Amino acid sequence: MTATPPPFRVGLGYDSHRLGNGGPLRIGGIDVPAEIHSIGHSDADVLLHAITDSLLGAIAEEDIGRLFPDHAPENKGRDSMDFLHEAIRRVHHRGMEIVNLDCIILAERPKMAPHIDAMRTRIAEALDIEIGQISIKAKTGEGIGEIGTAAAIAARVIVMLNRRA
């Protein structure tokens, strides 16, 4: 007996990267002016990586690390938008669409508030959804741990999908 799939699915995504000297900081598909950058095999965009994993998790597919391994030469310096496009392609292939994304960027610096609207616009365009379906908030580490001492940056994302009519 085959069960009818549920009309809604929820996915959780998380990513973190160490920070190094030299900018800009690539986050949310845009370059944020900063004297720091994320260190990673691809462009190390923590927000796009977390969104990608939330989408893949919602449809119970492999995570970003298995689809785009960091030991693969073709992923060296790769634009994280490529990962996001593949994830949304898989979501649509499963007959699902995004209801909303709720995102949190965890970074001591630089200040994210001036860049959030540009991130929302870029992500909405990439996913072909309305900007109103995307919430992005930024939080500091209040001086605690790797986030609070500006040694690392992280992002957490939750997505809700629904079955397309």
N, C-alpha and C. Protein backbone atom coordinates (compact mmCIF):
# COMPACT_ATOMS: atom_id res chain seq x y z
N MET A 1 0.84 -1.17 0.00
CA MET A 1 0.00 0.00 0.00
C MET A 1 0.89 1.24 0.00
N THR A 2 0.64 2.15 -0.91
CA THR A 2 1.40 3.39 -1.01
C THR A 2 0.64 4.51 -0.32
N ALA A 3 1.30 5.15 0.63
CA ALA A 3 0.67 6.25 1.36
C ALA A 3 0.70 7.51 0.51
N THR A 4 -0.34 8.32 0.66
CA THR A 4 -0.38 9.61 -0.01
C THR A 4 0.61 10.54 0.68
N PRO A 5 1.51 11.17 -0.09
CA PRO A 5 2.49 12.05 0.55
C PRO A 5 1.79 13.25 1.21
N PRO A 6 2.36 13.74 2.30
CA PRO A 6 1.74 14.89 2.98
C PRO A 6 1.80 16.14 2.11
N PRO A 7 0.83 17.03 2.29
CA PRO A 7 0.82 18.25 1.46
C PRO A 7 1.90 19.25 1.85
N PHE A 8 2.42 19.16 3.06
CA PHE A 8 3.46 20.08 3.53
C PHE A 8 4.69 19.31 3.97
N ARG A 9 5.85 19.92 3.77
CA ARG A 9 7.12 19.37 4.23
C ARG A 9 7.92 20.51 4.85
N VAL A 10 8.72 20.22 5.87
CA VAL A 10 9.55 21.21 6.54
C VAL A 10 11.00 20.72 6.51
N GLY A 11 11.92 21.64 6.26
CA GLY A 11 13.34 21.30 6.24
C GLY A 11 14.14 22.29 7.06
N LEU A 12 15.20 21.79 7.70
CA LEU A 12 16.07 22.61 8.51
C LEU A 12 17.47 22.57 7.90
N GLY A 13 18.08 23.74 7.76
CA GLY A 13 19.44 23.82 7.22
C GLY A 13 20.35 24.59 8.16
N TYR A 14 21.61 24.20 8.17
CA TYR A 14 22.61 24.87 9.00
C TYR A 14 23.94 24.82 8.27
N ASP A 15 24.72 25.88 8.40
CA ASP A 15 26.08 25.87 7.89
C ASP A 15 26.91 26.84 8.70
N SER A 16 28.21 26.60 8.74
CA SER A 16 29.15 27.51 9.40
C SER A 16 30.48 27.45 8.68
N HIS A 17 31.20 28.56 8.76
CA HIS A 17 32.54 28.64 8.16
C HIS A 17 33.43 29.49 9.04
N ARG A 18 34.72 29.15 9.03
CA ARG A 18 35.70 30.01 9.67
C ARG A 18 35.83 31.29 8.86
N LEU A 19 36.28 32.34 9.51
CA LEU A 19 36.50 33.61 8.83
C LEU A 19 38.00 33.89 8.73
N GLY A 20 38.39 34.53 7.63
CA GLY A 20 39.78 34.90 7.43
C GLY A 20 39.88 36.35 6.99
N ASN A 21 41.09 36.84 6.96
CA ASN A 21 41.33 38.23 6.54
C ASN A 21 41.11 38.38 5.04
N GLY A 22 40.71 39.58 4.65
CA GLY A 22 40.48 39.89 3.24
C GLY A 22 39.03 39.70 2.90
N GLY A 23 38.49 40.59 2.14
CA GLY A 23 37.07 40.53 1.78
C GLY A 23 36.92 40.45 0.28
N PRO A 24 35.73 40.54 -0.21
CA PRO A 24 34.49 40.75 0.53
C PRO A 24 33.95 39.45 1.12
N LEU A 25 32.89 39.57 1.89
CA LEU A 25 32.21 38.43 2.49
C LEU A 25 31.03 38.07 1.60
N ARG A 26 31.03 36.86 1.05
CA ARG A 26 29.95 36.41 0.18
C ARG A 26 28.87 35.79 1.06
N ILE A 27 27.68 36.38 1.06
CA ILE A 27 26.58 35.85 1.87
C ILE A 27 25.24 36.23 1.24
N GLY A 28 24.35 35.25 1.17
CA GLY A 28 23.04 35.49 0.57
C GLY A 28 23.11 35.79 -0.91
N GLY A 29 24.18 35.33 -1.57
CA GLY A 29 24.31 35.55 -3.00
C GLY A 29 24.86 36.91 -3.38
N ILE A 30 25.26 37.70 -2.40
CA ILE A 30 25.83 39.02 -2.69
C ILE A 30 27.18 39.15 -1.99
N ASP A 31 27.97 40.08 -2.47
CA ASP A 31 29.25 40.40 -1.83
C ASP A 31 29.03 41.55 -0.86
N VAL A 32 29.22 41.29 0.43
CA VAL A 32 29.09 42.30 1.47
C VAL A 32 30.48 42.90 1.70
N PRO A 33 30.61 44.22 1.55
CA PRO A 33 31.92 44.83 1.79
C PRO A 33 32.38 44.55 3.23
N ALA A 34 33.56 43.98 3.35
CA ALA A 34 34.10 43.64 4.67
C ALA A 34 35.58 43.35 4.52
N GLU A 35 36.29 43.40 5.62
CA GLU A 35 37.71 43.07 5.62
C GLU A 35 37.93 41.59 5.96
N ILE A 36 36.84 40.81 5.94
CA ILE A 36 36.89 39.38 6.22
C ILE A 36 36.17 38.61 5.12
N HIS A 37 36.43 37.31 5.04
CA HIS A 37 35.71 36.45 4.11
C HIS A 37 35.55 35.06 4.76
N SER A 38 34.59 34.31 4.26
CA SER A 38 34.38 32.93 4.72
C SER A 38 35.40 32.03 4.05
N ILE A 39 35.91 31.09 4.81
CA ILE A 39 36.89 30.14 4.29
C ILE A 39 36.17 28.83 3.98
N GLY A 40 36.26 28.40 2.73
CA GLY A 40 35.61 27.16 2.33
C GLY A 40 36.06 26.72 0.96
N HIS A 41 35.66 25.53 0.56
CA HIS A 41 36.06 24.99 -0.73
C HIS A 41 35.35 25.72 -1.87
N SER A 42 34.06 25.99 -1.71
CA SER A 42 33.31 26.76 -2.70
C SER A 42 33.47 28.23 -2.35
N ASP A 43 32.47 29.06 -2.70
CA ASP A 43 32.54 30.47 -2.30
C ASP A 43 32.18 30.67 -0.83
N ALA A 44 31.83 29.58 -0.13
CA ALA A 44 31.59 29.56 1.32
C ALA A 44 30.46 30.47 1.76
N ASP A 45 29.41 30.55 0.97
CA ASP A 45 28.23 31.36 1.30
C ASP A 45 27.37 30.59 2.30
N VAL A 46 27.53 30.89 3.60
CA VAL A 46 26.83 30.12 4.63
C VAL A 46 25.32 30.17 4.49
N LEU A 47 24.78 31.30 4.09
CA LEU A 47 23.33 31.42 3.99
C LEU A 47 22.79 30.56 2.85
N LEU A 48 23.41 30.63 1.68
CA LEU A 48 22.94 29.79 0.56
C LEU A 48 23.14 28.31 0.86
N HIS A 49 24.22 27.96 1.57
CA HIS A 49 24.43 26.55 1.93
C HIS A 49 23.33 26.07 2.88
N ALA A 50 22.96 26.89 3.85
CA ALA A 50 21.91 26.50 4.80
C ALA A 50 20.56 26.41 4.10
N ILE A 51 20.27 27.34 3.18
CA ILE A 51 19.02 27.28 2.42
C ILE A 51 18.99 26.01 1.58
N THR A 52 20.10 25.72 0.90
CA THR A 52 20.18 24.52 0.07
C THR A 52 19.90 23.27 0.90
N ASP A 53 20.53 23.16 2.07
CA ASP A 53 20.31 22.00 2.92
C ASP A 53 18.88 21.94 3.46
N SER A 54 18.28 23.08 3.74
CA SER A 54 16.89 23.06 4.21
C SER A 54 15.96 22.53 3.13
N LEU A 55 16.19 22.94 1.88
CA LEU A 55 15.36 22.46 0.77
C LEU A 55 15.56 20.96 0.55
N LEU A 56 16.82 20.53 0.55
CA LEU A 56 17.10 19.10 0.36
C LEU A 56 16.56 18.27 1.51
N GLY A 57 16.65 18.79 2.73
CA GLY A 57 16.12 18.08 3.89
C GLY A 57 14.60 17.94 3.84
N ALA A 58 13.93 18.97 3.36
CA ALA A 58 12.47 18.93 3.29
C ALA A 58 11.97 17.84 2.36
N ILE A 59 12.76 17.51 1.35
CA ILE A 59 12.35 16.44 0.43
C ILE A 59 13.12 15.15 0.69
N ALA A 60 13.84 15.11 1.82
CA ALA A 60 14.57 13.91 2.27
C ALA A 60 15.58 13.42 1.24
N GLU A 61 16.32 14.36 0.66
CA GLU A 61 17.38 14.01 -0.29
C GLU A 61 18.74 14.16 0.38
N GLU A 62 19.79 13.78 -0.33
CA GLU A 62 21.14 13.93 0.18
C GLU A 62 21.44 15.38 0.51
N ASP A 63 22.35 15.59 1.45
CA ASP A 63 22.70 16.95 1.83
C ASP A 63 23.73 17.54 0.86
N ILE A 64 24.00 18.82 1.04
CA ILE A 64 24.90 19.56 0.15
C ILE A 64 26.29 18.94 0.08
N GLY A 65 26.77 18.42 1.20
CA GLY A 65 28.10 17.82 1.24
C GLY A 65 28.21 16.55 0.42
N ARG A 66 27.14 15.79 0.34
CA ARG A 66 27.16 14.57 -0.47
C ARG A 66 26.93 14.87 -1.95
N LEU A 67 26.09 15.88 -2.24
CA LEU A 67 25.84 16.25 -3.64
C LEU A 67 27.01 17.01 -4.26
N PHE A 68 27.64 17.86 -3.45
CA PHE A 68 28.72 18.71 -3.94
C PHE A 68 29.92 18.59 -2.99
N PRO A 69 30.62 17.46 -2.99
CA PRO A 69 31.68 17.23 -2.01
C PRO A 69 32.83 18.23 -2.12
N ASP A 70 33.40 18.55 -0.95
CA ASP A 70 34.48 19.54 -0.93
C ASP A 70 35.81 18.99 -1.43
N HIS A 71 35.87 17.70 -1.71
CA HIS A 71 37.09 17.13 -2.29
C HIS A 71 37.03 17.11 -3.82
N ALA A 72 35.87 17.46 -4.39
CA ALA A 72 35.72 17.45 -5.84
C ALA A 72 36.29 18.74 -6.44
N PRO A 73 37.22 18.62 -7.38
CA PRO A 73 37.85 19.81 -7.95
C PRO A 73 36.86 20.77 -8.62
N GLU A 74 35.77 20.24 -9.17
CA GLU A 74 34.80 21.11 -9.85
C GLU A 74 34.05 22.02 -8.87
N ASN A 75 34.13 21.73 -7.58
CA ASN A 75 33.46 22.57 -6.59
C ASN A 75 34.39 23.61 -5.97
N LYS A 76 35.65 23.61 -6.33
CA LYS A 76 36.62 24.58 -5.81
C LYS A 76 36.22 25.98 -6.31
N GLY A 77 35.91 26.87 -5.36
CA GLY A 77 35.54 28.24 -5.69
C GLY A 77 34.18 28.38 -6.35
N ARG A 78 33.41 27.32 -6.38
CA ARG A 78 32.12 27.31 -7.09
C ARG A 78 31.12 28.25 -6.46
N ASP A 79 30.30 28.87 -7.29
CA ASP A 79 29.24 29.78 -6.86
C ASP A 79 28.14 28.95 -6.18
N SER A 80 27.81 29.28 -4.95
CA SER A 80 26.80 28.54 -4.19
C SER A 80 25.41 28.64 -4.81
N MET A 81 25.20 29.59 -5.69
CA MET A 81 23.93 29.66 -6.42
C MET A 81 23.72 28.39 -7.23
N ASP A 82 24.80 27.77 -7.71
CA ASP A 82 24.68 26.50 -8.43
C ASP A 82 24.05 25.44 -7.53
N PHE A 83 24.48 25.39 -6.27
CA PHE A 83 23.93 24.42 -5.33
C PHE A 83 22.45 24.69 -5.08
N LEU A 84 22.12 25.97 -4.90
CA LEU A 84 20.74 26.37 -4.64
C LEU A 84 19.84 26.03 -5.82
N HIS A 85 20.32 26.29 -7.04
CA HIS A 85 19.52 25.97 -8.24
C HIS A 85 19.25 24.48 -8.34
N GLU A 86 20.24 23.65 -8.00
CA GLU A 86 20.02 22.21 -8.05
C GLU A 86 19.01 21.77 -6.99
N ALA A 87 19.09 22.36 -5.82
CA ALA A 87 18.14 21.99 -4.76
C ALA A 87 16.71 22.35 -5.16
N ILE A 88 16.50 23.55 -5.70
CA ILE A 88 15.13 23.94 -6.07
C ILE A 88 14.64 23.13 -7.27
N ARG A 89 15.55 22.74 -8.15
CA ARG A 89 15.16 21.86 -9.26
C ARG A 89 14.62 20.54 -8.71
N ARG A 90 15.29 20.00 -7.70
CA ARG A 90 14.85 18.74 -7.09
C ARG A 90 13.52 18.92 -6.35
N VAL A 91 13.35 20.05 -5.68
CA VAL A 91 12.08 20.35 -5.00
C VAL A 91 10.94 20.36 -6.02
N HIS A 92 11.13 21.06 -7.12
CA HIS A 92 10.09 21.14 -8.16
C HIS A 92 9.84 19.78 -8.80
N HIS A 93 10.91 19.01 -8.99
CA HIS A 93 10.77 17.66 -9.56
C HIS A 93 9.88 16.78 -8.67
N ARG A 94 9.93 17.02 -7.39
CA ARG A 94 9.10 16.28 -6.44
C ARG A 94 7.67 16.84 -6.35
N GLY A 95 7.37 17.87 -7.15
CA GLY A 95 6.03 18.44 -7.16
C GLY A 95 5.75 19.38 -6.01
N MET A 96 6.82 19.91 -5.41
CA MET A 96 6.68 20.79 -4.25
C MET A 96 7.08 22.22 -4.64
N GLU A 97 6.64 23.17 -3.82
CA GLU A 97 7.05 24.56 -3.99
C GLU A 97 7.24 25.19 -2.62
N ILE A 98 7.98 26.29 -2.58
CA ILE A 98 8.29 26.95 -1.32
C ILE A 98 7.10 27.76 -0.83
N VAL A 99 6.75 27.57 0.44
CA VAL A 99 5.77 28.42 1.12
C VAL A 99 6.53 29.61 1.71
N ASN A 100 7.55 29.32 2.50
CA ASN A 100 8.38 30.38 3.05
C ASN A 100 9.71 29.85 3.57
N LEU A 101 10.66 30.79 3.68
CA LEU A 101 11.98 30.54 4.27
C LEU A 101 12.14 31.48 5.45
N ASP A 102 12.64 30.97 6.56
CA ASP A 102 12.96 31.79 7.72
C ASP A 102 14.44 31.55 8.02
N CYS A 103 15.24 32.62 7.90
CA CYS A 103 16.70 32.50 7.96
C CYS A 103 17.27 33.36 9.09
N ILE A 104 18.32 32.85 9.71
CA ILE A 104 19.08 33.62 10.70
C ILE A 104 20.55 33.53 10.33
N ILE A 105 21.19 34.70 10.23
CA ILE A 105 22.63 34.78 10.04
C ILE A 105 23.24 35.09 11.40
N LEU A 106 24.24 34.33 11.80
CA LEU A 106 24.93 34.55 13.07
C LEU A 106 26.33 35.05 12.76
N ALA A 107 26.56 36.35 13.03
CA ALA A 107 27.86 36.96 12.72
C ALA A 107 28.08 38.16 13.62
N GLU A 108 29.27 38.28 14.14
CA GLU A 108 29.61 39.43 14.97
C GLU A 108 29.81 40.68 14.11
N ARG A 109 30.41 40.47 12.95
CA ARG A 109 30.62 41.57 12.01
C ARG A 109 30.75 40.99 10.62
N PRO A 110 30.52 41.76 9.59
CA PRO A 110 30.02 43.13 9.58
C PRO A 110 28.54 43.16 9.89
N LYS A 111 28.01 44.34 10.08
CA LYS A 111 26.58 44.49 10.30
C LYS A 111 25.84 44.02 9.06
N MET A 112 24.86 43.15 9.24
CA MET A 112 24.13 42.58 8.11
C MET A 112 22.91 43.40 7.71
N ALA A 113 22.33 44.15 8.65
CA ALA A 113 21.07 44.87 8.40
C ALA A 113 21.07 45.66 7.10
N PRO A 114 22.13 46.39 6.78
CA PRO A 114 22.10 47.17 5.53
C PRO A 114 22.05 46.32 4.26
N HIS A 115 22.30 45.02 4.37
CA HIS A 115 22.40 44.15 3.20
C HIS A 115 21.26 43.14 3.08
N ILE A 116 20.42 43.08 4.10
CA ILE A 116 19.38 42.04 4.13
C ILE A 116 18.40 42.17 2.97
N ASP A 117 17.97 43.36 2.63
CA ASP A 117 17.03 43.51 1.51
C ASP A 117 17.63 43.03 0.19
N ALA A 118 18.92 43.32 -0.03
CA ALA A 118 19.59 42.85 -1.25
C ALA A 118 19.69 41.32 -1.26
N MET A 119 19.95 40.73 -0.10
CA MET A 119 20.00 39.26 0.00
C MET A 119 18.63 38.67 -0.31
N ARG A 120 17.59 39.24 0.30
CA ARG A 120 16.23 38.72 0.07
C ARG A 120 15.87 38.81 -1.41
N THR A 121 16.21 39.92 -2.04
CA THR A 121 15.91 40.11 -3.46
C THR A 121 16.65 39.08 -4.30
N ARG A 122 17.93 38.89 -4.03
CA ARG A 122 18.75 37.95 -4.82
C ARG A 122 18.25 36.51 -4.66
N ILE A 123 17.91 36.14 -3.43
CA ILE A 123 17.43 34.77 -3.18
C ILE A 123 16.05 34.57 -3.80
N ALA A 124 15.18 35.56 -3.68
CA ALA A 124 13.84 35.47 -4.29
C ALA A 124 13.95 35.28 -5.80
N GLU A 125 14.85 36.03 -6.43
CA GLU A 125 15.05 35.89 -7.88
C GLU A 125 15.56 34.49 -8.22
N ALA A 126 16.52 34.00 -7.45
CA ALA A 126 17.11 32.68 -7.71
C ALA A 126 16.09 31.56 -7.56
N LEU A 127 15.18 31.71 -6.61
CA LEU A 127 14.19 30.67 -6.34
C LEU A 127 12.87 30.90 -7.05
N ASP A 128 12.76 32.05 -7.73
CA ASP A 128 11.53 32.44 -8.44
C ASP A 128 10.33 32.45 -7.50
N ILE A 129 10.53 33.12 -6.34
CA ILE A 129 9.46 33.32 -5.37
C ILE A 129 9.38 34.80 -5.01
N GLU A 130 8.36 35.17 -4.28
CA GLU A 130 8.19 36.56 -3.86
C GLU A 130 9.12 36.86 -2.69
N ILE A 131 9.59 38.09 -2.64
CA ILE A 131 10.47 38.52 -1.55
C ILE A 131 9.78 38.35 -0.19
N GLY A 132 8.45 38.49 -0.17
CA GLY A 132 7.69 38.34 1.06
C GLY A 132 7.67 36.92 1.60
N GLN A 133 8.18 35.97 0.85
CA GLN A 133 8.26 34.59 1.31
C GLN A 133 9.58 34.31 2.04
N ILE A 134 10.43 35.33 2.13
CA ILE A 134 11.76 35.15 2.72
C ILE A 134 11.96 36.11 3.87
N SER A 135 12.27 35.57 5.02
CA SER A 135 12.66 36.37 6.18
C SER A 135 14.13 36.10 6.47
N ILE A 136 14.90 37.17 6.64
CA ILE A 136 16.30 37.04 7.04
C ILE A 136 16.53 37.96 8.23
N LYS A 137 17.06 37.36 9.28
CA LYS A 137 17.42 38.12 10.48
C LYS A 137 18.90 37.89 10.74
N ALA A 138 19.52 38.85 11.42
CA ALA A 138 20.94 38.70 11.78
C ALA A 138 21.08 38.86 13.28
N LYS A 139 21.92 38.04 13.85
CA LYS A 139 22.20 38.07 15.29
C LYS A 139 23.70 38.03 15.49
N THR A 140 24.17 38.72 16.53
CA THR A 140 25.58 38.64 16.89
C THR A 140 25.75 37.55 17.93
N GLY A 141 26.99 37.26 18.25
CA GLY A 141 27.28 36.26 19.27
C GLY A 141 27.47 36.86 20.65
N GLU A 142 27.27 38.18 20.76
CA GLU A 142 27.41 38.86 22.06
C GLU A 142 28.75 38.57 22.72
N GLY A 143 29.80 38.41 21.88
CA GLY A 143 31.14 38.19 22.41
C GLY A 143 31.41 36.77 22.89
N ILE A 144 30.46 35.86 22.66
CA ILE A 144 30.59 34.48 23.16
C ILE A 144 30.95 33.53 22.02
N GLY A 145 31.93 32.68 22.25
CA GLY A 145 32.28 31.63 21.30
C GLY A 145 32.88 32.13 20.01
N GLU A 146 32.97 31.22 19.03
CA GLU A 146 33.59 31.55 17.75
C GLU A 146 32.81 32.61 16.98
N ILE A 147 31.48 32.59 17.08
CA ILE A 147 30.68 33.62 16.41
C ILE A 147 30.95 34.96 17.08
N GLY A 148 30.87 35.01 18.38
CA GLY A 148 31.02 36.25 19.13
C GLY A 148 32.39 36.88 19.06
N THR A 149 33.41 36.07 18.77
CA THR A 149 34.76 36.62 18.63
C THR A 149 35.13 36.84 17.17
N ALA A 150 34.16 36.72 16.28
CA ALA A 150 34.33 36.94 14.84
C ALA A 150 35.33 35.96 14.21
N ALA A 151 35.42 34.76 14.79
CA ALA A 151 36.26 33.72 14.20
C ALA A 151 35.47 32.87 13.21
N ALA A 152 34.14 32.97 13.28
CA ALA A 152 33.29 32.15 12.42
C ALA A 152 31.98 32.87 12.13
N ILE A 153 31.30 32.37 11.13
CA ILE A 153 29.98 32.85 10.74
C ILE A 153 29.11 31.62 10.54
N ALA A 154 27.81 31.74 10.79
CA ALA A 154 26.91 30.60 10.64
C ALA A 154 25.54 31.08 10.16
N ALA A 155 24.75 30.15 9.70
CA ALA A 155 23.37 30.45 9.28
C ALA A 155 22.49 29.25 9.61
N ARG A 156 21.26 29.57 10.01
CA ARG A 156 20.23 28.55 10.25
C ARG A 156 19.02 28.93 9.43
N VAL A 157 18.40 27.93 8.82
CA VAL A 157 17.25 28.17 7.94
C VAL A 157 16.22 27.09 8.15
N ILE A 158 14.96 27.50 8.15
CA ILE A 158 13.86 26.54 8.10
C ILE A 158 13.01 26.91 6.90
N VAL A 159 12.56 25.89 6.18
CA VAL A 159 11.74 26.10 4.99
C VAL A 159 10.47 25.27 5.13
N MET A 160 9.38 25.82 4.62
CA MET A 160 8.15 25.04 4.49
C MET A 160 7.83 24.93 3.01
N LEU A 161 7.53 23.70 2.59
CA LEU A 161 7.13 23.42 1.21
C LEU A 161 5.69 22.93 1.21
N ASN A 162 5.02 23.16 0.11
CA ASN A 162 3.71 22.53 -0.07
C ASN A 162 3.63 21.91 -1.45
N ARG A 163 2.71 20.96 -1.58
CA ARG A 163 2.52 20.28 -2.84
C ARG A 163 1.87 21.24 -3.82
N ARG A 164 2.44 21.32 -5.04
CA ARG A 164 1.87 22.19 -6.07
C ARG A 164 0.52 21.65 -6.53
N ALA A 165 -0.38 22.57 -6.79
CA ALA A 165 -1.72 22.17 -7.24
C ALA A 165 -1.71 21.71 -8.68
